[in-house]
Amino acid sequence: MNERIKQLWEEAAKKTQGDSWKEQTKFIEKFAELIVQECAQHALDFNTNIQSLPDKVMRGNLYRVLDYIKDRMELNNE
């Protein structure tokens, strides 16, 4: 597991406790929520970074958002 994913895992774990099915479900939901928030923030950051580019160039760069997020989440080598 890469370092950022570990950090998100630990953050989710801090907000949940116990081994019951309810607590495990709560942990999984929180972990997924944190990952989605992280990815959404990277997409917003990417969008902000390309706002000054011409529309044609900007549209071409939007196809690279997935690679940008994967890079920020250190998922390119997996």
PDB file of N, CA and C in Angstrom:
ATOM      1  N   MET A   1       0.847  -1.169   0.000  1.00  0.00           N
ATOM      2  CA  MET A   1       0.000   0.000   0.000  1.00  0.00           C
ATOM      3  C   MET A   1       0.895   1.235   0.000  1.00  0.00           C
ATOM      4  N   ASN A   2       0.588   2.217  -0.883  1.00  0.00           N
ATOM      5  CA  ASN A   2       1.435   3.401  -0.924  1.00  0.00           C
ATOM      6  C   ASN A   2       1.167   4.307   0.278  1.00  0.00           C
ATOM      7  N   GLU A   3       2.019   5.274   0.458  1.00  0.00           N
ATOM      8  CA  GLU A   3       1.998   6.092   1.674  1.00  0.00           C
ATOM      9  C   GLU A   3       0.704   6.885   1.831  1.00  0.00           C
ATOM     10  N   ARG A   4       0.212   7.493   0.763  1.00  0.00           N
ATOM     11  CA  ARG A   4      -1.014   8.298   0.885  1.00  0.00           C
ATOM     12  C   ARG A   4      -2.219   7.412   1.216  1.00  0.00           C
ATOM     13  N   ILE A   5      -2.303   6.250   0.600  1.00  0.00           N
ATOM     14  CA  ILE A   5      -3.398   5.327   0.897  1.00  0.00           C
ATOM     15  C   ILE A   5      -3.315   4.895   2.365  1.00  0.00           C
ATOM     16  N   LYS A   6      -2.098   4.642   2.850  1.00  0.00           N
ATOM     17  CA  LYS A   6      -1.926   4.295   4.266  1.00  0.00           C
ATOM     18  C   LYS A   6      -2.434   5.415   5.173  1.00  0.00           C
ATOM     19  N   GLN A   7      -2.131   6.660   4.799  1.00  0.00           N
ATOM     20  CA  GLN A   7      -2.576   7.801   5.602  1.00  0.00           C
ATOM     21  C   GLN A   7      -4.101   7.875   5.635  1.00  0.00           C
ATOM     22  N   LEU A   8      -4.735   7.670   4.483  1.00  0.00           N
ATOM     23  CA  LEU A   8      -6.192   7.697   4.436  1.00  0.00           C
ATOM     24  C   LEU A   8      -6.788   6.545   5.237  1.00  0.00           C
ATOM     25  N   TRP A   9      -6.142   5.373   5.149  1.00  0.00           N
ATOM     26  CA  TRP A   9      -6.584   4.194   5.913  1.00  0.00           C
ATOM     27  C   TRP A   9      -6.551   4.504   7.414  1.00  0.00           C
ATOM     28  N   GLU A  10      -5.438   5.086   7.861  1.00  0.00           N
ATOM     29  CA  GLU A  10      -5.287   5.408   9.277  1.00  0.00           C
ATOM     30  C   GLU A  10      -6.290   6.467   9.719  1.00  0.00           C
ATOM     31  N   GLU A  11      -6.557   7.433   8.853  1.00  0.00           N
ATOM     32  CA  GLU A  11      -7.539   8.465   9.181  1.00  0.00           C
ATOM     33  C   GLU A  11      -8.933   7.848   9.343  1.00  0.00           C
ATOM     34  N   ALA A  12      -9.278   6.950   8.436  1.00  0.00           N
ATOM     35  CA  ALA A  12     -10.574   6.266   8.543  1.00  0.00           C
ATOM     36  C   ALA A  12     -10.625   5.404   9.797  1.00  0.00           C
ATOM     37  N   ALA A  13      -9.522   4.739  10.116  1.00  0.00           N
ATOM     38  CA  ALA A  13      -9.474   3.868  11.297  1.00  0.00           C
ATOM     39  C   ALA A  13      -9.657   4.660  12.582  1.00  0.00           C
ATOM     40  N   LYS A  14      -9.141   5.887  12.619  1.00  0.00           N
ATOM     41  CA  LYS A  14      -9.281   6.726  13.812  1.00  0.00           C
ATOM     42  C   LYS A  14     -10.740   7.092  14.077  1.00  0.00           C
ATOM     43  N   LYS A  15     -11.536   7.109  13.007  1.00  0.00           N
ATOM     44  CA  LYS A  15     -12.934   7.519  13.140  1.00  0.00           C
ATOM     45  C   LYS A  15     -13.866   6.349  13.393  1.00  0.00           C
ATOM     46  N   THR A  16     -13.313   5.133  13.406  1.00  0.00           N
ATOM     47  CA  THR A  16     -14.129   3.947  13.654  1.00  0.00           C
ATOM     48  C   THR A  16     -13.395   3.044  14.632  1.00  0.00           C
ATOM     49  N   GLN A  17     -14.164   2.256  15.365  1.00  0.00           N
ATOM     50  CA  GLN A  17     -13.568   1.326  16.315  1.00  0.00           C
ATOM     51  C   GLN A  17     -14.416   0.073  16.381  1.00  0.00           C
ATOM     52  N   GLY A  18     -13.793  -1.018  16.711  1.00  0.00           N
ATOM     53  CA  GLY A  18     -14.532  -2.254  16.917  1.00  0.00           C
ATOM     54  C   GLY A  18     -14.495  -3.179  15.718  1.00  0.00           C
ATOM     55  N   ASP A  19     -14.893  -4.418  15.963  1.00  0.00           N
ATOM     56  CA  ASP A  19     -14.862  -5.442  14.931  1.00  0.00           C
ATOM     57  C   ASP A  19     -16.249  -5.840  14.448  1.00  0.00           C
ATOM     58  N   SER A  20     -17.274  -5.187  14.954  1.00  0.00           N
ATOM     59  CA  SER A  20     -18.623  -5.563  14.543  1.00  0.00           C
ATOM     60  C   SER A  20     -18.821  -5.251  13.061  1.00  0.00           C
ATOM     61  N   TRP A  21     -19.791  -5.915  12.465  1.00  0.00           N
ATOM     62  CA  TRP A  21     -20.082  -5.679  11.049  1.00  0.00           C
ATOM     63  C   TRP A  21     -20.426  -4.203  10.826  1.00  0.00           C
ATOM     64  N   LYS A  22     -21.169  -3.614  11.747  1.00  0.00           N
ATOM     65  CA  LYS A  22     -21.547  -2.203  11.642  1.00  0.00           C
ATOM     66  C   LYS A  22     -20.304  -1.308  11.624  1.00  0.00           C
ATOM     67  N   GLU A  23     -19.361  -1.567  12.504  1.00  0.00           N
ATOM     68  CA  GLU A  23     -18.139  -0.758  12.559  1.00  0.00           C
ATOM     69  C   GLU A  23     -17.251  -0.996  11.336  1.00  0.00           C
ATOM     70  N   GLN A  24     -17.196  -2.229  10.869  1.00  0.00           N
ATOM     71  CA  GLN A  24     -16.402  -2.514   9.662  1.00  0.00           C
ATOM     72  C   GLN A  24     -17.001  -1.797   8.452  1.00  0.00           C
ATOM     73  N   THR A  25     -18.320  -1.811   8.362  1.00  0.00           N
ATOM     74  CA  THR A  25     -19.005  -1.115   7.267  1.00  0.00           C
ATOM     75  C   THR A  25     -18.755   0.386   7.360  1.00  0.00           C
ATOM     76  N   LYS A  26     -18.818   0.913   8.571  1.00  0.00           N
ATOM     77  CA  LYS A  26     -18.554   2.340   8.793  1.00  0.00           C
ATOM     78  C   LYS A  26     -17.127   2.700   8.356  1.00  0.00           C
ATOM     79  N   PHE A  27     -16.167   1.831   8.691  1.00  0.00           N
ATOM     80  CA  PHE A  27     -14.780   2.062   8.294  1.00  0.00           C
ATOM     81  C   PHE A  27     -14.641   2.063   6.771  1.00  0.00           C
ATOM     82  N   ILE A  28     -15.213   1.066   6.114  1.00  0.00           N
ATOM     83  CA  ILE A  28     -15.107   0.969   4.655  1.00  0.00           C
ATOM     84  C   ILE A  28     -15.724   2.195   3.993  1.00  0.00           C
ATOM     85  N   GLU A  29     -16.869   2.622   4.479  1.00  0.00           N
ATOM     86  CA  GLU A  29     -17.519   3.806   3.920  1.00  0.00           C
ATOM     87  C   GLU A  29     -16.665   5.053   4.109  1.00  0.00           C
ATOM     88  N   LYS A  30     -16.083   5.200   5.291  1.00  0.00           N
ATOM     89  CA  LYS A  30     -15.242   6.371   5.566  1.00  0.00           C
ATOM     90  C   LYS A  30     -13.984   6.349   4.702  1.00  0.00           C
ATOM     91  N   PHE A  31     -13.365   5.186   4.566  1.00  0.00           N
ATOM     92  CA  PHE A  31     -12.165   5.050   3.747  1.00  0.00           C
ATOM     93  C   PHE A  31     -12.470   5.401   2.288  1.00  0.00           C
ATOM     94  N   ALA A  32     -13.573   4.887   1.773  1.00  0.00           N
ATOM     95  CA  ALA A  32     -13.972   5.192   0.398  1.00  0.00           C
ATOM     96  C   ALA A  32     -14.255   6.685   0.235  1.00  0.00           C
ATOM     97  N   GLU A  33     -14.922   7.269   1.217  1.00  0.00           N
ATOM     98  CA  GLU A  33     -15.221   8.695   1.179  1.00  0.00           C
ATOM     99  C   GLU A  33     -13.931   9.521   1.120  1.00  0.00           C
ATOM    100  N   LEU A  34     -12.954   9.160   1.913  1.00  0.00           N
ATOM    101  CA  LEU A  34     -11.679   9.887   1.927  1.00  0.00           C
ATOM    102  C   LEU A  34     -10.954   9.763   0.591  1.00  0.00           C
ATOM    103  N   ILE A  35     -11.000   8.588  -0.021  1.00  0.00           N
ATOM    104  CA  ILE A  35     -10.355   8.400  -1.328  1.00  0.00           C
ATOM    105  C   ILE A  35     -11.047   9.259  -2.378  1.00  0.00           C
ATOM    106  N   VAL A  36     -12.372   9.253  -2.379  1.00  0.00           N
ATOM    107  CA  VAL A  36     -13.117  10.057  -3.355  1.00  0.00           C
ATOM    108  C   VAL A  36     -12.825  11.542  -3.144  1.00  0.00           C
ATOM    109  N   GLN A  37     -12.803  11.994  -1.906  1.00  0.00           N
ATOM    110  CA  GLN A  37     -12.497  13.398  -1.618  1.00  0.00           C
ATOM    111  C   GLN A  37     -11.099  13.759  -2.115  1.00  0.00           C
ATOM    112  N   GLU A  38     -10.151  12.875  -1.881  1.00  0.00           N
ATOM    113  CA  GLU A  38      -8.777  13.100  -2.320  1.00  0.00           C
ATOM    114  C   GLU A  38      -8.711  13.222  -3.844  1.00  0.00           C
ATOM    115  N   CYS A  39      -9.363  12.298  -4.541  1.00  0.00           N
ATOM    116  CA  CYS A  39      -9.358  12.314  -6.007  1.00  0.00           C
ATOM    117  C   CYS A  39     -10.060  13.559  -6.541  1.00  0.00           C
ATOM    118  N   ALA A  40     -11.179  13.928  -5.936  1.00  0.00           N
ATOM    119  CA  ALA A  40     -11.900  15.120  -6.364  1.00  0.00           C
ATOM    120  C   ALA A  40     -11.041  16.364  -6.180  1.00  0.00           C
ATOM    121  N   GLN A  41     -10.312  16.433  -5.079  1.00  0.00           N
ATOM    122  CA  GLN A  41      -9.439  17.588  -4.851  1.00  0.00           C
ATOM    123  C   GLN A  41      -8.331  17.646  -5.895  1.00  0.00           C
ATOM    124  N   HIS A  42      -7.771  16.505  -6.246  1.00  0.00           N
ATOM    125  CA  HIS A  42      -6.736  16.488  -7.286  1.00  0.00           C
ATOM    126  C   HIS A  42      -7.311  16.913  -8.630  1.00  0.00           C
ATOM    127  N   ALA A  43      -8.542  16.510  -8.931  1.00  0.00           N
ATOM    128  CA  ALA A  43      -9.183  16.925 -10.182  1.00  0.00           C
ATOM    129  C   ALA A  43      -9.393  18.435 -10.192  1.00  0.00           C
ATOM    130  N   LEU A  44      -9.828  19.001  -9.058  1.00  0.00           N
ATOM    131  CA  LEU A  44      -9.994  20.451  -8.965  1.00  0.00           C
ATOM    132  C   LEU A  44      -8.654  21.170  -9.108  1.00  0.00           C
ATOM    133  N   ASP A  45      -7.618  20.632  -8.480  1.00  0.00           N
ATOM    134  CA  ASP A  45      -6.284  21.224  -8.600  1.00  0.00           C
ATOM    135  C   ASP A  45      -5.819  21.202 -10.050  1.00  0.00           C
ATOM    136  N   PHE A  46      -6.031  20.086 -10.723  1.00  0.00           N
ATOM    137  CA  PHE A  46      -5.647  19.953 -12.127  1.00  0.00           C
ATOM    138  C   PHE A  46      -6.405  20.980 -12.959  1.00  0.00           C
ATOM    139  N   ASN A  47      -7.709  21.095 -12.719  1.00  0.00           N
ATOM    140  CA  ASN A  47      -8.535  22.042 -13.457  1.00  0.00           C
ATOM    141  C   ASN A  47      -8.026  23.472 -13.258  1.00  0.00           C
ATOM    142  N   THR A  48      -7.686  23.816 -12.023  1.00  0.00           N
ATOM    143  CA  THR A  48      -7.158  25.147 -11.728  1.00  0.00           C
ATOM    144  C   THR A  48      -5.854  25.393 -12.479  1.00  0.00           C
ATOM    145  N   ASN A  49      -5.018  24.373 -12.548  1.00  0.00           N
ATOM    146  CA  ASN A  49      -3.714  24.516 -13.210  1.00  0.00           C
ATOM    147  C   ASN A  49      -3.826  24.720 -14.713  1.00  0.00           C
ATOM    148  N   ILE A  50      -4.914  24.258 -15.335  1.00  0.00           N
ATOM    149  CA  ILE A  50      -5.010  24.364 -16.801  1.00  0.00           C
ATOM    150  C   ILE A  50      -5.955  25.469 -17.256  1.00  0.00           C
ATOM    151  N   GLN A  51      -6.512  26.235 -16.332  1.00  0.00           N
ATOM    152  CA  GLN A  51      -7.475  27.270 -16.696  1.00  0.00           C
ATOM    153  C   GLN A  51      -6.896  28.328 -17.638  1.00  0.00           C
ATOM    154  N   SER A  52      -5.626  28.590 -17.564  1.00  0.00           N
ATOM    155  CA  SER A  52      -5.036  29.635 -18.396  1.00  0.00           C
ATOM    156  C   SER A  52      -4.714  29.153 -19.819  1.00  0.00           C
ATOM    157  N   LEU A  53      -4.901  27.871 -20.091  1.00  0.00           N
ATOM    158  CA  LEU A  53      -4.612  27.335 -21.415  1.00  0.00           C
ATOM    159  C   LEU A  53      -5.762  27.598 -22.382  1.00  0.00           C
ATOM    160  N   PRO A  54      -5.473  27.692 -23.693  1.00  0.00           N
ATOM    161  CA  PRO A  54      -6.552  27.850 -24.670  1.00  0.00           C
ATOM    162  C   PRO A  54      -7.518  26.660 -24.611  1.00  0.00           C
ATOM    163  N   ASP A  55      -8.785  26.892 -24.998  1.00  0.00           N
ATOM    164  CA  ASP A  55      -9.817  25.852 -24.909  1.00  0.00           C
ATOM    165  C   ASP A  55      -9.416  24.542 -25.578  1.00  0.00           C
ATOM    166  N   LYS A  56      -8.841  24.604 -26.771  1.00  0.00           N
ATOM    167  CA  LYS A  56      -8.476  23.376 -27.483  1.00  0.00           C
ATOM    168  C   LYS A  56      -7.436  22.583 -26.690  1.00  0.00           C
ATOM    169  N   VAL A  57      -6.449  23.271 -26.169  1.00  0.00           N
ATOM    170  CA  VAL A  57      -5.408  22.622 -25.375  1.00  0.00           C
ATOM    171  C   VAL A  57      -6.017  22.097 -24.076  1.00  0.00           C
ATOM    172  N   MET A  58      -6.883  22.905 -23.468  1.00  0.00           N
ATOM    173  CA  MET A  58      -7.490  22.507 -22.201  1.00  0.00           C
ATOM    174  C   MET A  58      -8.322  21.244 -22.383  1.00  0.00           C
ATOM    175  N   ARG A  59      -9.121  21.168 -23.445  1.00  0.00           N
ATOM    176  CA  ARG A  59      -9.925  19.971 -23.686  1.00  0.00           C
ATOM    177  C   ARG A  59      -9.030  18.753 -23.863  1.00  0.00           C
ATOM    178  N   GLY A  60      -7.908  18.900 -24.556  1.00  0.00           N
ATOM    179  CA  GLY A  60      -6.979  17.797 -24.722  1.00  0.00           C
ATOM    180  C   GLY A  60      -6.378  17.355 -23.408  1.00  0.00           C
ATOM    181  N   ASN A  61      -6.116  18.306 -22.545  1.00  0.00           N
ATOM    182  CA  ASN A  61      -5.532  17.976 -21.240  1.00  0.00           C
ATOM    183  C   ASN A  61      -6.516  17.303 -20.304  1.00  0.00           C
ATOM    184  N   LEU A  62      -7.790  17.516 -20.494  1.00  0.00           N
ATOM    185  CA  LEU A  62      -8.777  16.897 -19.612  1.00  0.00           C
ATOM    186  C   LEU A  62      -8.706  15.372 -19.695  1.00  0.00           C
ATOM    187  N   TYR A  63      -8.247  14.854 -20.825  1.00  0.00           N
ATOM    188  CA  TYR A  63      -8.097  13.404 -20.947  1.00  0.00           C
ATOM    189  C   TYR A  63      -6.984  12.880 -20.050  1.00  0.00           C
ATOM    190  N   ARG A  64      -6.140  13.767 -19.552  1.00  0.00           N
ATOM    191  CA  ARG A  64      -5.035  13.354 -18.697  1.00  0.00           C
ATOM    192  C   ARG A  64      -5.369  13.428 -17.211  1.00  0.00           C
ATOM    193  N   VAL A  65      -6.589  13.796 -16.872  1.00  0.00           N
ATOM    194  CA  VAL A  65      -6.967  13.918 -15.465  1.00  0.00           C
ATOM    195  C   VAL A  65      -6.766  12.596 -14.729  1.00  0.00           C
ATOM    196  N   LEU A  66      -7.168  11.495 -15.344  1.00  0.00           N
ATOM    197  CA  LEU A  66      -7.012  10.202 -14.683  1.00  0.00           C
ATOM    198  C   LEU A  66      -5.548   9.922 -14.359  1.00  0.00           C
ATOM    199  N   ASP A  67      -4.664  10.151 -15.315  1.00  0.00           N
ATOM    200  CA  ASP A  67      -3.240   9.940 -15.057  1.00  0.00           C
ATOM    201  C   ASP A  67      -2.730  10.873 -13.960  1.00  0.00           C
ATOM    202  N   TYR A  68      -3.224  12.096 -13.955  1.00  0.00           N
ATOM    203  CA  TYR A  68      -2.830  13.072 -12.942  1.00  0.00           C
ATOM    204  C   TYR A  68      -3.222  12.573 -11.550  1.00  0.00           C
ATOM    205  N   ILE A  69      -4.467  12.111 -11.429  1.00  0.00           N
ATOM    206  CA  ILE A  69      -4.939  11.611 -10.134  1.00  0.00           C
ATOM    207  C   ILE A  69      -4.164  10.365  -9.735  1.00  0.00           C
ATOM    208  N   LYS A  70      -3.984   9.443 -10.669  1.00  0.00           N
ATOM    209  CA  LYS A  70      -3.243   8.231 -10.355  1.00  0.00           C
ATOM    210  C   LYS A  70      -1.835   8.564  -9.908  1.00  0.00           C
ATOM    211  N   ASP A  71      -1.226   9.553 -10.533  1.00  0.00           N
ATOM    212  CA  ASP A  71       0.122   9.955 -10.141  1.00  0.00           C
ATOM    213  C   ASP A  71       0.117  10.526  -8.723  1.00  0.00           C
ATOM    214  N   ARG A  72      -0.844  11.396  -8.418  1.00  0.00           N
ATOM    215  CA  ARG A  72      -0.913  11.998  -7.090  1.00  0.00           C
ATOM    216  C   ARG A  72      -1.209  10.949  -6.013  1.00  0.00           C
ATOM    217  N   MET A  73      -1.962   9.914  -6.384  1.00  0.00           N
ATOM    218  CA  MET A  73      -2.295   8.850  -5.441  1.00  0.00           C
ATOM    219  C   MET A  73      -1.263   7.724  -5.499  1.00  0.00           C
ATOM    220  N   GLU A  74      -0.224   7.937  -6.287  1.00  0.00           N
ATOM    221  CA  GLU A  74       0.871   6.973  -6.439  1.00  0.00           C
ATOM    222  C   GLU A  74       0.372   5.597  -6.870  1.00  0.00           C
ATOM    223  N   LEU A  75      -0.508   5.579  -7.878  1.00  0.00           N
ATOM    224  CA  LEU A  75      -1.097   4.346  -8.364  1.00  0.00           C
ATOM    225  C   LEU A  75      -0.587   3.941  -9.745  1.00  0.00           C
ATOM    226  N   ASN A  76       0.281   4.729 -10.342  1.00  0.00           N
ATOM    227  CA  ASN A  76       0.740   4.443 -11.702  1.00  0.00           C
ATOM    228  C   ASN A  76       1.537   3.158 -11.827  1.00  0.00           C
ATOM    229  N   ASN A  77       2.160   2.730 -10.762  1.00  0.00           N
ATOM    230  CA  ASN A  77       3.003   1.526 -10.843  1.00  0.00           C
ATOM    231  C   ASN A  77       2.290   0.272 -10.398  1.00  0.00           C
ATOM    232  N   GLU A  78       0.985   0.364 -10.167  1.00  0.00           N
ATOM    233  CA  GLU A  78       0.247  -0.800  -9.656  1.00  0.00           C
ATOM    234  C   GLU A  78      -0.595  -1.413 -10.739  1.00  0.00           C
TER     235      GLU A  78
END
